[in-house]
Amino acid sequence: MVRALFAALVLTSLFVGTAAIAAQRTVTLAVDGMTCASCPYIVKQSLSRVPGVERVEVSYADKRAVVTFDDSKTDVAALTKATASVGFPSELAE
């Protein structure tokens, strides 16, 4: 009984500890290839479909996308893969 209780306590602390580490993160991506007014819409839709993405703003004039996401659910690599999959390569802006 004591072992089962201890195991449950350890598993619970691991779960809670992992959740405490997760954070909301905002990054700016430089997006190549946007040549028309519909391009930002396509980029925004592709990023919005990534699990964990909470907000996306895309600027055609600046060729940039600002993305807010839960870093326990996704990462920058998944975001750049999403834009590349619809024909718009991107990278973390400096």
PDB file of N, CA and C in Angstrom:
ATOM      1  N   MET A   1       0.821  -1.200   0.000  1.00  0.00           N
ATOM      2  CA  MET A   1       0.000   0.000   0.000  1.00  0.00           C
ATOM      3  C   MET A   1       0.860   1.258   0.000  1.00  0.00           C
ATOM      4  N   VAL A   2       1.897   1.256   0.816  1.00  0.00           N
ATOM      5  CA  VAL A   2       2.781   2.416   0.905  1.00  0.00           C
ATOM      6  C   VAL A   2       3.499   2.628  -0.418  1.00  0.00           C
ATOM      7  N   ARG A   3       3.907   1.540  -1.064  1.00  0.00           N
ATOM      8  CA  ARG A   3       4.594   1.658  -2.356  1.00  0.00           C
ATOM      9  C   ARG A   3       3.666   2.244  -3.416  1.00  0.00           C
ATOM     10  N   ALA A   4       2.430   1.798  -3.429  1.00  0.00           N
ATOM     11  CA  ALA A   4       1.461   2.318  -4.398  1.00  0.00           C
ATOM     12  C   ALA A   4       1.221   3.798  -4.172  1.00  0.00           C
ATOM     13  N   LEU A   5       1.111   4.197  -2.928  1.00  0.00           N
ATOM     14  CA  LEU A   5       0.912   5.606  -2.604  1.00  0.00           C
ATOM     15  C   LEU A   5       2.127   6.428  -3.010  1.00  0.00           C
ATOM     16  N   PHE A   6       3.320   5.901  -2.748  1.00  0.00           N
ATOM     17  CA  PHE A   6       4.549   6.589  -3.125  1.00  0.00           C
ATOM     18  C   PHE A   6       4.646   6.734  -4.646  1.00  0.00           C
ATOM     19  N   ALA A   7       4.330   5.664  -5.368  1.00  0.00           N
ATOM     20  CA  ALA A   7       4.367   5.705  -6.832  1.00  0.00           C
ATOM     21  C   ALA A   7       3.387   6.737  -7.369  1.00  0.00           C
ATOM     22  N   ALA A   8       2.196   6.787  -6.800  1.00  0.00           N
ATOM     23  CA  ALA A   8       1.205   7.777  -7.229  1.00  0.00           C
ATOM     24  C   ALA A   8       1.695   9.188  -6.955  1.00  0.00           C
ATOM     25  N   LEU A   9       2.338   9.390  -5.828  1.00  0.00           N
ATOM     26  CA  LEU A   9       2.872  10.706  -5.480  1.00  0.00           C
ATOM     27  C   LEU A   9       3.974  11.124  -6.443  1.00  0.00           C
ATOM     28  N   VAL A  10       4.859  10.197  -6.781  1.00  0.00           N
ATOM     29  CA  VAL A  10       5.945  10.492  -7.719  1.00  0.00           C
ATOM     30  C   VAL A  10       5.383  10.835  -9.089  1.00  0.00           C
ATOM     31  N   LEU A  11       4.448  10.047  -9.587  1.00  0.00           N
ATOM     32  CA  LEU A  11       3.851  10.315 -10.896  1.00  0.00           C
ATOM     33  C   LEU A  11       3.127  11.653 -10.916  1.00  0.00           C
ATOM     34  N   THR A  12       2.423  11.968  -9.861  1.00  0.00           N
ATOM     35  CA  THR A  12       1.719  13.248  -9.778  1.00  0.00           C
ATOM     36  C   THR A  12       2.699  14.406  -9.785  1.00  0.00           C
ATOM     37  N   SER A  13       3.789  14.277  -9.052  1.00  0.00           N
ATOM     38  CA  SER A  13       4.767  15.366  -9.006  1.00  0.00           C
ATOM     39  C   SER A  13       5.444  15.552 -10.351  1.00  0.00           C
ATOM     40  N   LEU A  14       5.676  14.465 -11.089  1.00  0.00           N
ATOM     41  CA  LEU A  14       6.253  14.585 -12.422  1.00  0.00           C
ATOM     42  C   LEU A  14       5.311  15.323 -13.359  1.00  0.00           C
ATOM     43  N   PHE A  15       4.030  14.986 -13.302  1.00  0.00           N
ATOM     44  CA  PHE A  15       3.044  15.633 -14.159  1.00  0.00           C
ATOM     45  C   PHE A  15       2.926  17.117 -13.833  1.00  0.00           C
ATOM     46  N   VAL A  16       2.811  17.440 -12.566  1.00  0.00           N
ATOM     47  CA  VAL A  16       2.672  18.836 -12.142  1.00  0.00           C
ATOM     48  C   VAL A  16       3.945  19.602 -12.442  1.00  0.00           C
ATOM     49  N   GLY A  17       5.095  18.987 -12.227  1.00  0.00           N
ATOM     50  CA  GLY A  17       6.373  19.643 -12.501  1.00  0.00           C
ATOM     51  C   GLY A  17       6.536  19.976 -13.968  1.00  0.00           C
ATOM     52  N   THR A  18       6.122  19.085 -14.841  1.00  0.00           N
ATOM     53  CA  THR A  18       6.207  19.334 -16.275  1.00  0.00           C
ATOM     54  C   THR A  18       5.289  20.475 -16.680  1.00  0.00           C
ATOM     55  N   ALA A  19       4.094  20.519 -16.138  1.00  0.00           N
ATOM     56  CA  ALA A  19       3.154  21.585 -16.477  1.00  0.00           C
ATOM     57  C   ALA A  19       3.672  22.937 -16.016  1.00  0.00           C
ATOM     58  N   ALA A  20       4.381  22.960 -14.906  1.00  0.00           N
ATOM     59  CA  ALA A  20       4.899  24.222 -14.389  1.00  0.00           C
ATOM     60  C   ALA A  20       6.009  24.775 -15.267  1.00  0.00           C
ATOM     61  N   ILE A  21       6.710  23.904 -15.988  1.00  0.00           N
ATOM     62  CA  ILE A  21       7.806  24.332 -16.844  1.00  0.00           C
ATOM     63  C   ILE A  21       7.282  24.930 -18.148  1.00  0.00           C
ATOM     64  N   ALA A  22       6.160  24.448 -18.639  1.00  0.00           N
ATOM     65  CA  ALA A  22       5.591  24.929 -19.895  1.00  0.00           C
ATOM     66  C   ALA A  22       5.260  26.408 -19.783  1.00  0.00           C
ATOM     67  N   ALA A  23       5.460  27.101 -20.896  1.00  0.00           N
ATOM     68  CA  ALA A  23       5.194  28.534 -20.876  1.00  0.00           C
ATOM     69  C   ALA A  23       4.701  28.999 -22.235  1.00  0.00           C
ATOM     70  N   GLN A  24       4.025  30.111 -22.205  1.00  0.00           N
ATOM     71  CA  GLN A  24       3.609  30.753 -23.438  1.00  0.00           C
ATOM     72  C   GLN A  24       4.834  31.468 -23.998  1.00  0.00           C
ATOM     73  N   ARG A  25       5.038  31.339 -25.283  1.00  0.00           N
ATOM     74  CA  ARG A  25       6.202  31.941 -25.935  1.00  0.00           C
ATOM     75  C   ARG A  25       5.736  32.662 -27.189  1.00  0.00           C
ATOM     76  N   THR A  26       6.361  33.786 -27.487  1.00  0.00           N
ATOM     77  CA  THR A  26       6.056  34.528 -28.706  1.00  0.00           C
ATOM     78  C   THR A  26       7.340  34.679 -29.513  1.00  0.00           C
ATOM     79  N   VAL A  27       7.258  34.323 -30.798  1.00  0.00           N
ATOM     80  CA  VAL A  27       8.407  34.450 -31.693  1.00  0.00           C
ATOM     81  C   VAL A  27       7.989  35.191 -32.954  1.00  0.00           C
ATOM     82  N   THR A  28       8.974  35.747 -33.632  1.00  0.00           N
ATOM     83  CA  THR A  28       8.749  36.379 -34.927  1.00  0.00           C
ATOM     84  C   THR A  28       9.478  35.566 -35.979  1.00  0.00           C
ATOM     85  N   LEU A  29       8.741  35.185 -37.018  1.00  0.00           N
ATOM     86  CA  LEU A  29       9.316  34.440 -38.127  1.00  0.00           C
ATOM     87  C   LEU A  29       9.453  35.352 -39.336  1.00  0.00           C
ATOM     88  N   ALA A  30      10.587  35.283 -40.008  1.00  0.00           N
ATOM     89  CA  ALA A  30      10.760  35.936 -41.300  1.00  0.00           C
ATOM     90  C   ALA A  30      10.221  34.952 -42.336  1.00  0.00           C
ATOM     91  N   VAL A  31       9.254  35.396 -43.125  1.00  0.00           N
ATOM     92  CA  VAL A  31       8.575  34.504 -44.072  1.00  0.00           C
ATOM     93  C   VAL A  31       8.905  34.943 -45.494  1.00  0.00           C
ATOM     94  N   ASP A  32       9.593  34.078 -46.222  1.00  0.00           N
ATOM     95  CA  ASP A  32       9.954  34.378 -47.609  1.00  0.00           C
ATOM     96  C   ASP A  32       8.822  34.001 -48.555  1.00  0.00           C
ATOM     97  N   GLY A  33       8.779  34.687 -49.679  1.00  0.00           N
ATOM     98  CA  GLY A  33       7.893  34.283 -50.753  1.00  0.00           C
ATOM     99  C   GLY A  33       6.500  34.870 -50.772  1.00  0.00           C
ATOM    100  N   MET A  34       6.150  35.719 -49.817  1.00  0.00           N
ATOM    101  CA  MET A  34       4.807  36.317 -49.857  1.00  0.00           C
ATOM    102  C   MET A  34       4.802  37.401 -50.933  1.00  0.00           C
ATOM    103  N   THR A  35       4.003  37.167 -51.979  1.00  0.00           N
ATOM    104  CA  THR A  35       4.006  38.081 -53.123  1.00  0.00           C
ATOM    105  C   THR A  35       2.655  38.727 -53.411  1.00  0.00           C
ATOM    106  N   CYS A  36       1.618  38.323 -52.679  1.00  0.00           N
ATOM    107  CA  CYS A  36       0.302  38.903 -52.936  1.00  0.00           C
ATOM    108  C   CYS A  36      -0.483  39.017 -51.634  1.00  0.00           C
ATOM    109  N   ALA A  37      -1.620  39.653 -51.705  1.00  0.00           N
ATOM    110  CA  ALA A  37      -2.424  39.916 -50.507  1.00  0.00           C
ATOM    111  C   ALA A  37      -3.005  38.652 -49.881  1.00  0.00           C
ATOM    112  N   SER A  38      -3.139  37.573 -50.646  1.00  0.00           N
ATOM    113  CA  SER A  38      -3.689  36.340 -50.067  1.00  0.00           C
ATOM    114  C   SER A  38      -2.624  35.494 -49.364  1.00  0.00           C
ATOM    115  N   CYS A  39      -1.368  35.772 -49.607  1.00  0.00           N
ATOM    116  CA  CYS A  39      -0.288  34.991 -48.987  1.00  0.00           C
ATOM    117  C   CYS A  39      -0.327  35.024 -47.458  1.00  0.00           C
ATOM    118  N   PRO A  40      -0.497  36.183 -46.822  1.00  0.00           N
ATOM    119  CA  PRO A  40      -0.557  36.187 -45.355  1.00  0.00           C
ATOM    120  C   PRO A  40      -1.688  35.324 -44.799  1.00  0.00           C
ATOM    121  N   TYR A  41      -2.803  35.275 -45.491  1.00  0.00           N
ATOM    122  CA  TYR A  41      -3.920  34.435 -45.057  1.00  0.00           C
ATOM    123  C   TYR A  41      -3.507  32.962 -45.049  1.00  0.00           C
ATOM    124  N   ILE A  42      -2.830  32.533 -46.104  1.00  0.00           N
ATOM    125  CA  ILE A  42      -2.387  31.140 -46.209  1.00  0.00           C
ATOM    126  C   ILE A  42      -1.377  30.819 -45.110  1.00  0.00           C
ATOM    127  N   VAL A  43      -0.430  31.733 -44.882  1.00  0.00           N
ATOM    128  CA  VAL A  43       0.570  31.538 -43.826  1.00  0.00           C
ATOM    129  C   VAL A  43      -0.115  31.465 -42.463  1.00  0.00           C
ATOM    130  N   LYS A  44      -1.051  32.374 -42.217  1.00  0.00           N
ATOM    131  CA  LYS A  44      -1.754  32.393 -40.929  1.00  0.00           C
ATOM    132  C   LYS A  44      -2.525  31.101 -40.707  1.00  0.00           C
ATOM    133  N   GLN A  45      -3.204  30.616 -41.727  1.00  0.00           N
ATOM    134  CA  GLN A  45      -3.972  29.375 -41.597  1.00  0.00           C
ATOM    135  C   GLN A  45      -3.058  28.192 -41.297  1.00  0.00           C
ATOM    136  N   SER A  46      -1.914  28.130 -41.971  1.00  0.00           N
ATOM    137  CA  SER A  46      -1.002  26.999 -41.741  1.00  0.00           C
ATOM    138  C   SER A  46      -0.450  27.021 -40.319  1.00  0.00           C
ATOM    139  N   LEU A  47      -0.113  28.193 -39.813  1.00  0.00           N
ATOM    140  CA  LEU A  47       0.406  28.302 -38.447  1.00  0.00           C
ATOM    141  C   LEU A  47      -0.683  28.045 -37.411  1.00  0.00           C
ATOM    142  N   SER A  48      -1.885  28.496 -37.688  1.00  0.00           N
ATOM    143  CA  SER A  48      -2.996  28.318 -36.744  1.00  0.00           C
ATOM    144  C   SER A  48      -3.360  26.854 -36.542  1.00  0.00           C
ATOM    145  N   ARG A  49      -3.038  26.020 -37.511  1.00  0.00           N
ATOM    146  CA  ARG A  49      -3.360  24.590 -37.421  1.00  0.00           C
ATOM    147  C   ARG A  49      -2.346  23.792 -36.594  1.00  0.00           C
ATOM    148  N   VAL A  50      -1.242  24.403 -36.234  1.00  0.00           N
ATOM    149  CA  VAL A  50      -0.235  23.703 -35.426  1.00  0.00           C
ATOM    150  C   VAL A  50      -0.753  23.599 -33.990  1.00  0.00           C
ATOM    151  N   PRO A  51      -0.819  22.389 -33.433  1.00  0.00           N
ATOM    152  CA  PRO A  51      -1.292  22.246 -32.050  1.00  0.00           C
ATOM    153  C   PRO A  51      -0.436  23.074 -31.086  1.00  0.00           C
ATOM    154  N   GLY A  52      -1.098  23.826 -30.225  1.00  0.00           N
ATOM    155  CA  GLY A  52      -0.392  24.655 -29.256  1.00  0.00           C
ATOM    156  C   GLY A  52      -0.290  26.114 -29.649  1.00  0.00           C
ATOM    157  N   VAL A  53      -0.550  26.426 -30.929  1.00  0.00           N
ATOM    158  CA  VAL A  53      -0.502  27.825 -31.365  1.00  0.00           C
ATOM    159  C   VAL A  53      -1.745  28.535 -30.854  1.00  0.00           C
ATOM    160  N   GLU A  54      -1.532  29.677 -30.221  1.00  0.00           N
ATOM    161  CA  GLU A  54      -2.626  30.424 -29.611  1.00  0.00           C
ATOM    162  C   GLU A  54      -2.988  31.695 -30.373  1.00  0.00           C
ATOM    163  N   ARG A  55      -2.007  32.305 -31.040  1.00  0.00           N
ATOM    164  CA  ARG A  55      -2.277  33.551 -31.762  1.00  0.00           C
ATOM    165  C   ARG A  55      -1.270  33.700 -32.894  1.00  0.00           C
ATOM    166  N   VAL A  56      -1.756  34.224 -34.037  1.00  0.00           N
ATOM    167  CA  VAL A  56      -0.893  34.455 -35.196  1.00  0.00           C
ATOM    168  C   VAL A  56      -1.257  35.790 -35.820  1.00  0.00           C
ATOM    169  N   GLU A  57      -0.265  36.608 -36.063  1.00  0.00           N
ATOM    170  CA  GLU A  57      -0.432  37.851 -36.814  1.00  0.00           C
ATOM    171  C   GLU A  57       0.605  37.841 -37.927  1.00  0.00           C
ATOM    172  N   VAL A  58       0.171  38.054 -39.170  1.00  0.00           N
ATOM    173  CA  VAL A  58       1.081  38.020 -40.309  1.00  0.00           C
ATOM    174  C   VAL A  58       1.050  39.367 -41.015  1.00  0.00           C
ATOM    175  N   SER A  59       2.231  39.899 -41.319  1.00  0.00           N
ATOM    176  CA  SER A  59       2.348  41.175 -42.023  1.00  0.00           C
ATOM    177  C   SER A  59       2.932  40.943 -43.410  1.00  0.00           C
ATOM    178  N   TYR A  60       2.142  41.267 -44.425  1.00  0.00           N
ATOM    179  CA  TYR A  60       2.622  41.171 -45.802  1.00  0.00           C
ATOM    180  C   TYR A  60       3.724  42.194 -46.040  1.00  0.00           C
ATOM    181  N   ALA A  61       3.549  43.411 -45.550  1.00  0.00           N
ATOM    182  CA  ALA A  61       4.524  44.487 -45.762  1.00  0.00           C
ATOM    183  C   ALA A  61       5.884  44.152 -45.152  1.00  0.00           C
ATOM    184  N   ASP A  62       5.870  43.566 -43.962  1.00  0.00           N
ATOM    185  CA  ASP A  62       7.123  43.252 -43.264  1.00  0.00           C
ATOM    186  C   ASP A  62       7.646  41.851 -43.570  1.00  0.00           C
ATOM    187  N   LYS A  63       6.814  41.038 -44.235  1.00  0.00           N
ATOM    188  CA  LYS A  63       7.175  39.639 -44.525  1.00  0.00           C
ATOM    189  C   LYS A  63       7.511  38.890 -43.238  1.00  0.00           C
ATOM    190  N   ARG A  64       6.670  39.099 -42.221  1.00  0.00           N
ATOM    191  CA  ARG A  64       6.902  38.488 -40.907  1.00  0.00           C
ATOM    192  C   ARG A  64       5.607  37.935 -40.324  1.00  0.00           C
ATOM    193  N   ALA A  65       5.772  36.936 -39.478  1.00  0.00           N
ATOM    194  CA  ALA A  65       4.650  36.372 -38.729  1.00  0.00           C
ATOM    195  C   ALA A  65       5.032  36.365 -37.255  1.00  0.00           C
ATOM    196  N   VAL A  66       4.142  36.885 -36.427  1.00  0.00           N
ATOM    197  CA  VAL A  66       4.342  36.858 -34.981  1.00  0.00           C
ATOM    198  C   VAL A  66       3.418  35.771 -34.437  1.00  0.00           C
ATOM    199  N   VAL A  67       4.016  34.786 -33.779  1.00  0.00           N
ATOM    200  CA  VAL A  67       3.276  33.604 -33.341  1.00  0.00           C
ATOM    201  C   VAL A  67       3.431  33.423 -31.829  1.00  0.00           C
ATOM    202  N   THR A  68       2.301  33.277 -31.150  1.00  0.00           N
ATOM    203  CA  THR A  68       2.294  32.975 -29.721  1.00  0.00           C
ATOM    204  C   THR A  68       1.826  31.535 -29.566  1.00  0.00           C
ATOM    205  N   PHE A  69       2.591  30.752 -28.794  1.00  0.00           N
ATOM    206  CA  PHE A  69       2.284  29.333 -28.662  1.00  0.00           C
ATOM    207  C   PHE A  69       2.694  28.796 -27.299  1.00  0.00           C
ATOM    208  N   ASP A  70       2.150  27.633 -26.978  1.00  0.00           N
ATOM    209  CA  ASP A  70       2.486  26.912 -25.755  1.00  0.00           C
ATOM    210  C   ASP A  70       3.709  26.055 -26.066  1.00  0.00           C
ATOM    211  N   ASP A  71       4.847  26.371 -25.447  1.00  0.00           N
ATOM    212  CA  ASP A  71       6.072  25.659 -25.801  1.00  0.00           C
ATOM    213  C   ASP A  71       6.155  24.232 -25.260  1.00  0.00           C
ATOM    214  N   SER A  72       5.130  23.802 -24.540  1.00  0.00           N
ATOM    215  CA  SER A  72       5.080  22.390 -24.152  1.00  0.00           C
ATOM    216  C   SER A  72       4.382  21.558 -25.225  1.00  0.00           C
ATOM    217  N   LYS A  73       3.745  22.228 -26.179  1.00  0.00           N
ATOM    218  CA  LYS A  73       3.001  21.530 -27.226  1.00  0.00           C
ATOM    219  C   LYS A  73       3.639  21.645 -28.601  1.00  0.00           C
ATOM    220  N   THR A  74       4.441  22.669 -28.837  1.00  0.00           N
ATOM    221  CA  THR A  74       5.067  22.842 -30.143  1.00  0.00           C
ATOM    222  C   THR A  74       6.357  23.629 -29.996  1.00  0.00           C
ATOM    223  N   ASP A  75       7.053  23.805 -31.118  1.00  0.00           N
ATOM    224  CA  ASP A  75       8.311  24.543 -31.103  1.00  0.00           C
ATOM    225  C   ASP A  75       8.501  25.270 -32.430  1.00  0.00           C
ATOM    226  N   VAL A  76       9.595  26.016 -32.532  1.00  0.00           N
ATOM    227  CA  VAL A  76       9.847  26.809 -33.732  1.00  0.00           C
ATOM    228  C   VAL A  76       9.990  25.914 -34.958  1.00  0.00           C
ATOM    229  N   ALA A  77      10.603  24.756 -34.801  1.00  0.00           N
ATOM    230  CA  ALA A  77      10.762  23.838 -35.936  1.00  0.00           C
ATOM    231  C   ALA A  77       9.411  23.436 -36.524  1.00  0.00           C
ATOM    232  N   ALA A  78       8.424  23.193 -35.681  1.00  0.00           N
ATOM    233  CA  ALA A  78       7.083  22.838 -36.166  1.00  0.00           C
ATOM    234  C   ALA A  78       6.433  24.016 -36.879  1.00  0.00           C
ATOM    235  N   LEU A  79       6.698  25.222 -36.401  1.00  0.00           N
ATOM    236  CA  LEU A  79       6.133  26.414 -37.040  1.00  0.00           C
ATOM    237  C   LEU A  79       6.737  26.620 -38.424  1.00  0.00           C
ATOM    238  N   THR A  80       8.060  26.513 -38.535  1.00  0.00           N
ATOM    239  CA  THR A  80       8.700  26.706 -39.837  1.00  0.00           C
ATOM    240  C   THR A  80       8.328  25.585 -40.807  1.00  0.00           C
ATOM    241  N   LYS A  81       8.124  24.389 -40.287  1.00  0.00           N
ATOM    242  CA  LYS A  81       7.674  23.275 -41.134  1.00  0.00           C
ATOM    243  C   LYS A  81       6.274  23.557 -41.679  1.00  0.00           C
ATOM    244  N   ALA A  82       5.417  24.133 -40.844  1.00  0.00           N
ATOM    245  CA  ALA A  82       4.046  24.445 -41.269  1.00  0.00           C
ATOM    246  C   ALA A  82       4.031  25.465 -42.401  1.00  0.00           C
ATOM    247  N   THR A  83       4.840  26.509 -42.294  1.00  0.00           N
ATOM    248  CA  THR A  83       4.850  27.511 -43.372  1.00  0.00           C
ATOM    249  C   THR A  83       5.478  26.941 -44.639  1.00  0.00           C
ATOM    250  N   ALA A  84       6.530  26.156 -44.483  1.00  0.00           N
ATOM    251  CA  ALA A  84       7.176  25.548 -45.651  1.00  0.00           C
ATOM    252  C   ALA A  84       6.234  24.593 -46.371  1.00  0.00           C
ATOM    253  N   SER A  85       5.373  23.918 -45.620  1.00  0.00           N
ATOM    254  CA  SER A  85       4.460  22.944 -46.226  1.00  0.00           C
ATOM    255  C   SER A  85       3.432  23.590 -47.147  1.00  0.00           C
ATOM    256  N   VAL A  86       3.214  24.896 -46.999  1.00  0.00           N
ATOM    257  CA  VAL A  86       2.285  25.603 -47.889  1.00  0.00           C
ATOM    258  C   VAL A  86       3.038  26.538 -48.843  1.00  0.00           C
ATOM    259  N   GLY A  87       4.356  26.325 -48.967  1.00  0.00           N
ATOM    260  CA  GLY A  87       5.137  27.052 -49.962  1.00  0.00           C
ATOM    261  C   GLY A  87       5.800  28.332 -49.493  1.00  0.00           C
ATOM    262  N   PHE A  88       5.851  28.547 -48.181  1.00  0.00           N
ATOM    263  CA  PHE A  88       6.454  29.771 -47.655  1.00  0.00           C
ATOM    264  C   PHE A  88       7.520  29.432 -46.620  1.00  0.00           C
ATOM    265  N   PRO A  89       8.763  29.232 -47.063  1.00  0.00           N
ATOM    266  CA  PRO A  89       9.831  28.941 -46.105  1.00  0.00           C
ATOM    267  C   PRO A  89       9.951  30.086 -45.097  1.00  0.00           C
ATOM    268  N   SER A  90      10.263  29.736 -43.856  1.00  0.00           N
ATOM    269  CA  SER A  90      10.422  30.769 -42.831  1.00  0.00           C
ATOM    270  C   SER A  90      11.552  30.388 -41.899  1.00  0.00           C
ATOM    271  N   GLU A  91      12.000  31.381 -41.146  1.00  0.00           N
ATOM    272  CA  GLU A  91      13.033  31.155 -40.145  1.00  0.00           C
ATOM    273  C   GLU A  91      12.833  32.146 -39.018  1.00  0.00           C
ATOM    274  N   LEU A  92      13.408  31.840 -37.881  1.00  0.00           N
ATOM    275  CA  LEU A  92      13.324  32.730 -36.737  1.00  0.00           C
ATOM    276  C   LEU A  92      13.981  34.052 -37.105  1.00  0.00           C
ATOM    277  N   ALA A  93      13.251  35.151 -36.947  1.00  0.00           N
ATOM    278  CA  ALA A  93      13.779  36.475 -37.290  1.00  0.00           C
ATOM    279  C   ALA A  93      14.765  36.922 -36.222  1.00  0.00           C
ATOM    280  N   GLU A  94      15.722  37.700 -36.641  1.00  0.00           N
ATOM    281  CA  GLU A  94      16.727  38.216 -35.695  1.00  0.00           C
ATOM    282  C   GLU A  94      16.233  39.437 -34.984  1.00  0.00           C
TER     283      GLU A  94
END
